[in-house]
PDB file of N, CA and C in Angstrom:
ATOM      1  N   UNK A   1       2.942  16.029  10.968  1.00  0.00           N
ATOM      2  CA  UNK A   1       1.777  15.559  11.676  1.00  0.00           C
ATOM      3  C   UNK A   1       2.081  14.177  12.266  1.00  0.00           C
ATOM      4  N   UNK A   2       1.731  13.990  13.508  1.00  0.00           N
ATOM      5  CA  UNK A   2       1.963  12.727  14.195  1.00  0.00           C
ATOM      6  C   UNK A   2       0.606  12.109  14.495  1.00  0.00           C
ATOM      7  N   UNK A   3       0.403  10.871  14.093  1.00  0.00           N
ATOM      8  CA  UNK A   3      -0.873  10.200  14.363  1.00  0.00           C
ATOM      9  C   UNK A   3      -0.722   9.095  15.398  1.00  0.00           C
ATOM     10  N   UNK A   4       0.465   8.946  15.941  1.00  0.00           N
ATOM     11  CA  UNK A   4       0.706   7.971  16.995  1.00  0.00           C
ATOM     12  C   UNK A   4       0.751   8.717  18.326  1.00  0.00           C
ATOM     13  N   UNK A   5      -0.226   8.406  19.186  1.00  0.00           N
ATOM     14  CA  UNK A   5      -0.270   9.075  20.486  1.00  0.00           C
ATOM     15  C   UNK A   5       0.997   8.784  21.277  1.00  0.00           C
ATOM     16  N   UNK A   6       1.500   7.565  21.176  1.00  0.00           N
ATOM     17  CA  UNK A   6       2.705   7.181  21.902  1.00  0.00           C
ATOM     18  C   UNK A   6       3.890   8.026  21.468  1.00  0.00           C
ATOM     19  N   UNK A   7       4.083   8.165  20.160  1.00  0.00           N
ATOM     20  CA  UNK A   7       5.207   8.959  19.656  1.00  0.00           C
ATOM     21  C   UNK A   7       5.051  10.433  20.032  1.00  0.00           C
ATOM     22  N   UNK A   8       3.821  10.931  19.942  1.00  0.00           N
ATOM     23  CA  UNK A   8       3.580  12.337  20.274  1.00  0.00           C
ATOM     24  C   UNK A   8       3.940  12.625  21.726  1.00  0.00           C
ATOM     25  N   UNK A   9       3.444  11.806  22.655  1.00  0.00           N
ATOM     26  CA  UNK A   9       3.734  12.058  24.065  1.00  0.00           C
ATOM     27  C   UNK A   9       5.194  11.791  24.405  1.00  0.00           C
ATOM     28  N   UNK A  10       5.851  10.948  23.625  1.00  0.00           N
ATOM     29  CA  UNK A  10       7.287  10.759  23.812  1.00  0.00           C
ATOM     30  C   UNK A  10       8.019  12.058  23.479  1.00  0.00           C
ATOM     31  N   UNK A  11       7.591  12.721  22.405  1.00  0.00           N
ATOM     32  CA  UNK A  11       8.224  13.996  22.036  1.00  0.00           C
ATOM     33  C   UNK A  11       7.978  15.052  23.109  1.00  0.00           C
ATOM     34  N   UNK A  12       6.767  15.116  23.638  1.00  0.00           N
ATOM     35  CA  UNK A  12       6.463  16.070  24.712  1.00  0.00           C
ATOM     36  C   UNK A  12       7.320  15.744  25.931  1.00  0.00           C
ATOM     37  N   UNK A  13       7.461  14.464  26.240  1.00  0.00           N
ATOM     38  CA  UNK A  13       8.262  14.042  27.387  1.00  0.00           C
ATOM     39  C   UNK A  13       9.710  14.472  27.283  1.00  0.00           C
ATOM     40  N   UNK A  14      10.231  14.500  26.065  1.00  0.00           N
ATOM     41  CA  UNK A  14      11.620  14.948  25.893  1.00  0.00           C
ATOM     42  C   UNK A  14      11.782  16.397  26.316  1.00  0.00           C
ATOM     43  N   UNK A  15      10.750  17.193  26.080  1.00  0.00           N
ATOM     44  CA  UNK A  15      10.817  18.597  26.507  1.00  0.00           C
ATOM     45  C   UNK A  15      10.803  18.751  28.014  1.00  0.00           C
ATOM     46  N   UNK A  16      10.215  17.789  28.721  1.00  0.00           N
ATOM     47  CA  UNK A  16      10.129  17.887  30.185  1.00  0.00           C
ATOM     48  C   UNK A  16      11.406  17.446  30.887  1.00  0.00           C
ATOM     49  N   UNK A  17      12.352  16.890  30.143  1.00  0.00           N
ATOM     50  CA  UNK A  17      13.599  16.445  30.770  1.00  0.00           C
ATOM     51  C   UNK A  17      14.339  17.622  31.399  1.00  0.00           C
ATOM     52  N   UNK A  18      14.897  17.356  32.554  1.00  0.00           N
ATOM     53  CA  UNK A  18      15.695  18.383  33.221  1.00  0.00           C
ATOM     54  C   UNK A  18      17.014  18.545  32.478  1.00  0.00           C
ATOM     55  N   UNK A  19      17.522  19.740  32.475  1.00  0.00           N
ATOM     56  CA  UNK A  19      18.798  19.982  31.817  1.00  0.00           C
ATOM     57  C   UNK A  19      19.579  21.005  32.644  1.00  0.00           C
ATOM     58  N   UNK A  20      20.304  20.524  33.651  1.00  0.00           N
ATOM     59  CA  UNK A  20      21.058  21.437  34.509  1.00  0.00           C
ATOM     60  C   UNK A  20      22.068  22.261  33.706  1.00  0.00           C
ATOM     61  N   UNK A  21      22.195  23.510  34.070  1.00  0.00           N
ATOM     62  CA  UNK A  21      23.166  24.441  33.478  1.00  0.00           C
ATOM     63  C   UNK A  21      22.974  24.629  31.969  1.00  0.00           C
ATOM     64  N   UNK A  22      21.764  24.451  31.485  1.00  0.00           N
ATOM     65  CA  UNK A  22      21.493  24.588  30.058  1.00  0.00           C
ATOM     66  C   UNK A  22      21.832  25.987  29.550  1.00  0.00           C
ATOM     67  N   UNK A  23      21.464  26.987  30.325  1.00  0.00           N
ATOM     68  CA  UNK A  23      21.655  28.370  29.889  1.00  0.00           C
ATOM     69  C   UNK A  23      22.870  29.025  30.538  1.00  0.00           C
ATOM     70  N   UNK A  24      23.665  28.225  31.230  1.00  0.00           N
ATOM     71  CA  UNK A  24      24.863  28.722  31.894  1.00  0.00           C
ATOM     72  C   UNK A  24      24.949  28.109  33.281  1.00  0.00           C
ATOM     73  N   UNK A  25      26.059  28.307  33.969  1.00  0.00           N
ATOM     74  CA  UNK A  25      26.223  27.741  35.311  1.00  0.00           C
ATOM     75  C   UNK A  25      25.110  28.191  36.254  1.00  0.00           C
ATOM     76  N   UNK A  26      24.410  27.238  36.824  1.00  0.00           N
ATOM     77  CA  UNK A  26      23.325  27.533  37.762  1.00  0.00           C
ATOM     78  C   UNK A  26      22.048  28.020  37.095  1.00  0.00           C
ATOM     79  N   UNK A  27      22.020  28.103  35.793  1.00  0.00           N
ATOM     80  CA  UNK A  27      20.838  28.589  35.071  1.00  0.00           C
ATOM     81  C   UNK A  27      20.191  27.401  34.352  1.00  0.00           C
ATOM     82  N   UNK A  28      19.342  26.692  35.105  1.00  0.00           N
ATOM     83  CA  UNK A  28      18.734  25.462  34.610  1.00  0.00           C
ATOM     84  C   UNK A  28      17.483  25.751  33.782  1.00  0.00           C
ATOM     85  N   UNK A  29      17.094  24.762  33.019  1.00  0.00           N
ATOM     86  CA  UNK A  29      15.849  24.861  32.253  1.00  0.00           C
ATOM     87  C   UNK A  29      14.691  24.770  33.242  1.00  0.00           C
ATOM     88  N   UNK A  30      13.743  25.709  33.168  1.00  0.00           N
ATOM     89  CA  UNK A  30      12.580  25.641  34.052  1.00  0.00           C
ATOM     90  C   UNK A  30      11.257  25.720  33.278  1.00  0.00           C
ATOM     91  N   UNK A  31      11.324  25.719  31.952  1.00  0.00           N
ATOM     92  CA  UNK A  31      10.118  25.680  31.127  1.00  0.00           C
ATOM     93  C   UNK A  31      10.503  25.248  29.718  1.00  0.00           C
ATOM     94  N   UNK A  32       9.494  24.929  28.924  1.00  0.00           N
ATOM     95  CA  UNK A  32       9.720  24.630  27.516  1.00  0.00           C
ATOM     96  C   UNK A  32       8.458  24.971  26.746  1.00  0.00           C
ATOM     97  N   UNK A  33       8.602  25.172  25.459  1.00  0.00           N
ATOM     98  CA  UNK A  33       7.474  25.500  24.586  1.00  0.00           C
ATOM     99  C   UNK A  33       7.137  24.306  23.704  1.00  0.00           C
ATOM    100  N   UNK A  34       5.862  24.170  23.394  1.00  0.00           N
ATOM    101  CA  UNK A  34       5.413  23.181  22.426  1.00  0.00           C
ATOM    102  C   UNK A  34       4.865  23.956  21.235  1.00  0.00           C
ATOM    103  N   UNK A  35       5.507  23.808  20.081  1.00  0.00           N
ATOM    104  CA  UNK A  35       5.030  24.422  18.849  1.00  0.00           C
ATOM    105  C   UNK A  35       4.263  23.344  18.082  1.00  0.00           C
ATOM    106  N   UNK A  36       2.954  23.418  18.178  1.00  0.00           N
ATOM    107  CA  UNK A  36       2.096  22.380  17.606  1.00  0.00           C
ATOM    108  C   UNK A  36       1.483  22.905  16.308  1.00  0.00           C
ATOM    109  N   UNK A  37       2.316  23.008  15.282  1.00  0.00           N
ATOM    110  CA  UNK A  37       1.875  23.554  13.998  1.00  0.00           C
ATOM    111  C   UNK A  37       0.808  22.688  13.319  1.00  0.00           C
ATOM    112  N   UNK A  38       0.829  21.405  13.580  1.00  0.00           N
ATOM    113  CA  UNK A  38      -0.065  20.473  12.870  1.00  0.00           C
ATOM    114  C   UNK A  38      -1.329  20.142  13.650  1.00  0.00           C
ATOM    115  N   UNK A  39      -1.513  20.713  14.821  1.00  0.00           N
ATOM    116  CA  UNK A  39      -2.739  20.484  15.578  1.00  0.00           C
ATOM    117  C   UNK A  39      -2.841  19.108  16.207  1.00  0.00           C
ATOM    118  N   UNK A  40      -1.703  18.553  16.616  1.00  0.00           N
ATOM    119  CA  UNK A  40      -1.730  17.212  17.221  1.00  0.00           C
ATOM    120  C   UNK A  40      -2.483  17.184  18.549  1.00  0.00           C
ATOM    121  N   UNK A  41      -2.363  18.223  19.360  1.00  0.00           N
ATOM    122  CA  UNK A  41      -3.091  18.248  20.633  1.00  0.00           C
ATOM    123  C   UNK A  41      -4.588  18.170  20.391  1.00  0.00           C
ATOM    124  N   UNK A  42      -5.082  18.927  19.428  1.00  0.00           N
ATOM    125  CA  UNK A  42      -6.500  18.889  19.098  1.00  0.00           C
ATOM    126  C   UNK A  42      -6.891  17.517  18.550  1.00  0.00           C
ATOM    127  N   UNK A  43      -6.032  16.961  17.705  1.00  0.00           N
ATOM    128  CA  UNK A  43      -6.320  15.648  17.117  1.00  0.00           C
ATOM    129  C   UNK A  43      -6.497  14.595  18.211  1.00  0.00           C
ATOM    130  N   UNK A  44      -5.587  14.557  19.177  1.00  0.00           N
ATOM    131  CA  UNK A  44      -5.662  13.536  20.214  1.00  0.00           C
ATOM    132  C   UNK A  44      -6.774  13.819  21.222  1.00  0.00           C
ATOM    133  N   UNK A  45      -7.183  15.070  21.367  1.00  0.00           N
ATOM    134  CA  UNK A  45      -8.348  15.363  22.201  1.00  0.00           C
ATOM    135  C   UNK A  45      -9.617  14.854  21.539  1.00  0.00           C
ATOM    136  N   UNK A  46      -9.686  14.899  20.213  1.00  0.00           N
ATOM    137  CA  UNK A  46     -10.859  14.435  19.480  1.00  0.00           C
ATOM    138  C   UNK A  46     -10.829  12.929  19.262  1.00  0.00           C
ATOM    139  N   UNK A  47      -9.660  12.333  19.216  1.00  0.00           N
ATOM    140  CA  UNK A  47      -9.492  10.903  18.942  1.00  0.00           C
ATOM    141  C   UNK A  47      -8.598  10.272  20.009  1.00  0.00           C
ATOM    142  N   UNK A  48      -9.040  10.275  21.273  1.00  0.00           N
ATOM    143  CA  UNK A  48      -8.135   9.835  22.346  1.00  0.00           C
ATOM    144  C   UNK A  48      -7.677   8.394  22.253  1.00  0.00           C
ATOM    145  N   UNK A  49      -8.439   7.521  21.616  1.00  0.00           N
ATOM    146  CA  UNK A  49      -8.043   6.124  21.544  1.00  0.00           C
ATOM    147  C   UNK A  49      -7.450   5.733  20.212  1.00  0.00           C
ATOM    148  N   UNK A  50      -7.287   6.674  19.309  1.00  0.00           N
ATOM    149  CA  UNK A  50      -6.815   6.356  17.963  1.00  0.00           C
ATOM    150  C   UNK A  50      -5.305   6.288  17.940  1.00  0.00           C
ATOM    151  N   UNK A  51      -4.781   5.075  17.897  1.00  0.00           N
ATOM    152  CA  UNK A  51      -3.335   4.875  17.849  1.00  0.00           C
ATOM    153  C   UNK A  51      -3.028   3.880  16.741  1.00  0.00           C
ATOM    154  N   UNK A  52      -3.594   4.129  15.561  1.00  0.00           N
ATOM    155  CA  UNK A  52      -3.491   3.171  14.456  1.00  0.00           C
ATOM    156  C   UNK A  52      -2.068   3.025  13.952  1.00  0.00           C
ATOM    157  N   UNK A  53      -1.269   4.082  14.016  1.00  0.00           N
ATOM    158  CA  UNK A  53       0.104   3.998  13.512  1.00  0.00           C
ATOM    159  C   UNK A  53       0.918   2.987  14.312  1.00  0.00           C
ATOM    160  N   UNK A  54       0.745   2.984  15.632  1.00  0.00           N
ATOM    161  CA  UNK A  54       1.478   2.038  16.468  1.00  0.00           C
ATOM    162  C   UNK A  54       1.035   0.619  16.151  1.00  0.00           C
ATOM    163  N   UNK A  55      -0.269   0.402  16.027  1.00  0.00           N
ATOM    164  CA  UNK A  55      -0.768  -0.933  15.701  1.00  0.00           C
ATOM    165  C   UNK A  55      -0.236  -1.386  14.351  1.00  0.00           C
ATOM    166  N   UNK A  56      -0.227  -0.494  13.369  1.00  0.00           N
ATOM    167  CA  UNK A  56       0.259  -0.839  12.039  1.00  0.00           C
ATOM    168  C   UNK A  56       1.743  -1.171  12.083  1.00  0.00           C
ATOM    169  N   UNK A  57       2.531  -0.412  12.841  1.00  0.00           N
ATOM    170  CA  UNK A  57       3.968  -0.672  12.908  1.00  0.00           C
ATOM    171  C   UNK A  57       4.238  -2.007  13.602  1.00  0.00           C
ATOM    172  N   UNK A  58       3.412  -2.381  14.572  1.00  0.00           N
ATOM    173  CA  UNK A  58       3.578  -3.691  15.206  1.00  0.00           C
ATOM    174  C   UNK A  58       3.315  -4.794  14.198  1.00  0.00           C
ATOM    175  N   UNK A  59       2.304  -4.615  13.368  1.00  0.00           N
ATOM    176  CA  UNK A  59       2.008  -5.624  12.361  1.00  0.00           C
ATOM    177  C   UNK A  59       3.166  -5.771  11.388  1.00  0.00           C
ATOM    178  N   UNK A  60       3.744  -4.658  10.969  1.00  0.00           N
ATOM    179  CA  UNK A  60       4.883  -4.706  10.049  1.00  0.00           C
ATOM    180  C   UNK A  60       6.053  -5.395  10.715  1.00  0.00           C
ATOM    181  N   UNK A  61       6.335  -5.057  11.967  1.00  0.00           N
ATOM    182  CA  UNK A  61       7.421  -5.690  12.703  1.00  0.00           C
ATOM    183  C   UNK A  61       7.211  -7.185  12.855  1.00  0.00           C
ATOM    184  N   UNK A  62       5.985  -7.588  13.138  1.00  0.00           N
ATOM    185  CA  UNK A  62       5.692  -9.010  13.271  1.00  0.00           C
ATOM    186  C   UNK A  62       5.864  -9.729  11.944  1.00  0.00           C
ATOM    187  N   UNK A  63       5.406  -9.105  10.861  1.00  0.00           N
ATOM    188  CA  UNK A  63       5.554  -9.732   9.542  1.00  0.00           C
ATOM    189  C   UNK A  63       7.020  -9.866   9.167  1.00  0.00           C
ATOM    190  N   UNK A  64       7.816  -8.841   9.462  1.00  0.00           N
ATOM    191  CA  UNK A  64       9.253  -8.918   9.172  1.00  0.00           C
ATOM    192  C   UNK A  64       9.905 -10.057   9.958  1.00  0.00           C
ATOM    193  N   UNK A  65       9.535 -10.190  11.221  1.00  0.00           N
ATOM    194  CA  UNK A  65      10.096 -11.259  12.044  1.00  0.00           C
ATOM    195  C   UNK A  65       9.760 -12.628  11.454  1.00  0.00           C
ATOM    196  N   UNK A  66       8.495 -12.809  11.095  1.00  0.00           N
ATOM    197  CA  UNK A  66       8.071 -14.087  10.520  1.00  0.00           C
ATOM    198  C   UNK A  66       8.829 -14.377   9.226  1.00  0.00           C
ATOM    199  N   UNK A  67       8.998 -13.371   8.385  1.00  0.00           N
ATOM    200  CA  UNK A  67       9.732 -13.565   7.126  1.00  0.00           C
ATOM    201  C   UNK A  67      11.180 -13.939   7.390  1.00  0.00           C
ATOM    202  N   UNK A  68      11.793 -13.342   8.391  1.00  0.00           N
ATOM    203  CA  UNK A  68      13.183 -13.672   8.724  1.00  0.00           C
ATOM    204  C   UNK A  68      13.304 -15.106   9.216  1.00  0.00           C
ATOM    205  N   UNK A  69      12.347 -15.540  10.021  1.00  0.00           N
ATOM    206  CA  UNK A  69      12.355 -16.931  10.492  1.00  0.00           C
ATOM    207  C   UNK A  69      12.203 -17.872   9.305  1.00  0.00           C
ATOM    208  N   UNK A  70      11.284 -17.560   8.405  1.00  0.00           N
ATOM    209  CA  UNK A  70      11.087 -18.402   7.225  1.00  0.00           C
ATOM    210  C   UNK A  70      12.341 -18.453   6.356  1.00  0.00           C
ATOM    211  N   UNK A  71      12.997 -17.308   6.193  1.00  0.00           N
ATOM    212  CA  UNK A  71      14.227 -17.265   5.405  1.00  0.00           C
ATOM    213  C   UNK A  71      15.323 -18.110   6.060  1.00  0.00           C
ATOM    214  N   UNK A  72      15.451 -17.997   7.364  1.00  0.00           N
ATOM    215  CA  UNK A  72      16.449 -18.788   8.097  1.00  0.00           C
ATOM    216  C   UNK A  72      16.175 -20.277   7.945  1.00  0.00           C
ATOM    217  N   UNK A  73      14.904 -20.658   8.059  1.00  0.00           N
ATOM    218  CA  UNK A  73      14.552 -22.071   7.889  1.00  0.00           C
ATOM    219  C   UNK A  73      14.868 -22.552   6.474  1.00  0.00           C
ATOM    220  N   UNK A  74      14.588 -21.717   5.478  1.00  0.00           N
ATOM    221  CA  UNK A  74      14.875 -22.095   4.090  1.00  0.00           C
ATOM    222  C   UNK A  74      16.375 -22.255   3.871  1.00  0.00           C
ATOM    223  N   UNK A  75      17.163 -21.334   4.424  1.00  0.00           N
ATOM    224  CA  UNK A  75      18.620 -21.435   4.289  1.00  0.00           C
ATOM    225  C   UNK A  75      19.144 -22.686   4.979  1.00  0.00           C
ATOM    226  N   UNK A  76      18.644 -22.973   6.177  1.00  0.00           N
ATOM    227  CA  UNK A  76      19.061 -24.186   6.883  1.00  0.00           C
ATOM    228  C   UNK A  76      18.703 -25.431   6.082  1.00  0.00           C
ATOM    229  N   UNK A  77      17.521 -25.452   5.499  1.00  0.00           N
ATOM    230  CA  UNK A  77      17.079 -26.590   4.697  1.00  0.00           C
ATOM    231  C   UNK A  77      17.992 -26.763   3.485  1.00  0.00           C
ATOM    232  N   UNK A  78      18.377 -25.670   2.845  1.00  0.00           N
ATOM    233  CA  UNK A  78      19.270 -25.723   1.690  1.00  0.00           C
ATOM    234  C   UNK A  78      20.630 -26.273   2.089  1.00  0.00           C
ATOM    235  N   UNK A  79      21.140 -25.846   3.233  1.00  0.00           N
ATOM    236  CA  UNK A  79      22.435 -26.348   3.720  1.00  0.00           C
ATOM    237  C   UNK A  79      22.373 -27.841   4.000  1.00  0.00           C
ATOM    238  N   UNK A  80      21.289 -28.287   4.608  1.00  0.00           N
ATOM    239  CA  UNK A  80      21.143 -29.718   4.916  1.00  0.00           C
ATOM    240  C   UNK A  80      21.093 -30.522   3.623  1.00  0.00           C
ATOM    241  N   UNK A  81      20.321 -30.039   2.634  1.00  0.00           N
ATOM    242  CA  UNK A  81      20.238 -30.732   1.341  1.00  0.00           C
ATOM    243  C   UNK A  81      21.602 -30.787   0.660  1.00  0.00           C
ATOM    244  N   UNK A  82      22.374 -29.701   0.740  1.00  0.00           N
ATOM    245  CA  UNK A  82      23.704 -29.673   0.128  1.00  0.00           C
ATOM    246  C   UNK A  82      24.636 -30.664   0.820  1.00  0.00           C
ATOM    247  N   UNK A  83      24.560 -30.753   2.133  1.00  0.00           N
ATOM    248  CA  UNK A  83      25.396 -31.714   2.868  1.00  0.00           C
ATOM    249  C   UNK A  83      25.031 -33.149   2.486  1.00  0.00           C
ATOM    250  N   UNK A  84      23.753 -33.424   2.367  1.00  0.00           N
ATOM    251  CA  UNK A  84      23.304 -34.769   1.973  1.00  0.00           C
ATOM    252  C   UNK A  84      23.816 -35.111   0.577  1.00  0.00           C
ATOM    253  N   UNK A  85      23.762 -34.135  -0.334  1.00  0.00           N
ATOM    254  CA  UNK A  85      24.229 -34.366  -1.690  1.00  0.00           C
ATOM    255  C   UNK A  85      25.737 -34.635  -1.702  1.00  0.00           C
ATOM    256  N   UNK A  86      26.492 -33.923  -0.867  1.00  0.00           N
ATOM    257  CA  UNK A  86      27.938 -34.142  -0.754  1.00  0.00           C
ATOM    258  C   UNK A  86      28.238 -35.523  -0.219  1.00  0.00           C
ATOM    259  N   UNK A  87      27.493 -35.943   0.779  1.00  0.00           N
ATOM    260  CA  UNK A  87      27.717 -37.268   1.379  1.00  0.00           C
ATOM    261  C   UNK A  87      27.375 -38.372   0.382  1.00  0.00           C
ATOM    262  N   UNK A  88      26.362 -38.176  -0.420  1.00  0.00           N
ATOM    263  CA  UNK A  88      25.923 -39.195  -1.376  1.00  0.00           C
ATOM    264  C   UNK A  88      26.933 -39.374  -2.504  1.00  0.00           C
ATOM    265  N   UNK A  89      27.682 -38.314  -2.836  1.00  0.00           N
ATOM    266  CA  UNK A  89      28.648 -38.401  -3.925  1.00  0.00           C
ATOM    267  C   UNK A  89      29.979 -38.958  -3.475  1.00  0.00           C
ATOM    268  N   UNK A  90      30.194 -39.070  -2.198  1.00  0.00           N
ATOM    269  CA  UNK A  90      31.492 -39.565  -1.698  1.00  0.00           C
ATOM    270  C   UNK A  90      31.601 -41.031  -1.772  1.00  0.00           C
TER     271      UNK A  90
END
């Protein structure tokens, strides 16, 4: 089941890609099937603006970025403190 409209339509879009000679020389793809076992088409027809998964993943990505910046700053601070301690002992 896919609850991200963006991801769902990306998957549908992959089916629409042209594929020359897919079935042999000169026999190109001219159709594709969508097997929607989980009812995603119905879900998005009933909830056209519901894209909570994408919003949630952006929040996670933003939090990870912030944590990485904080970690980098902490490491830099530790290096500076170590250099100061080395200079003071010389």
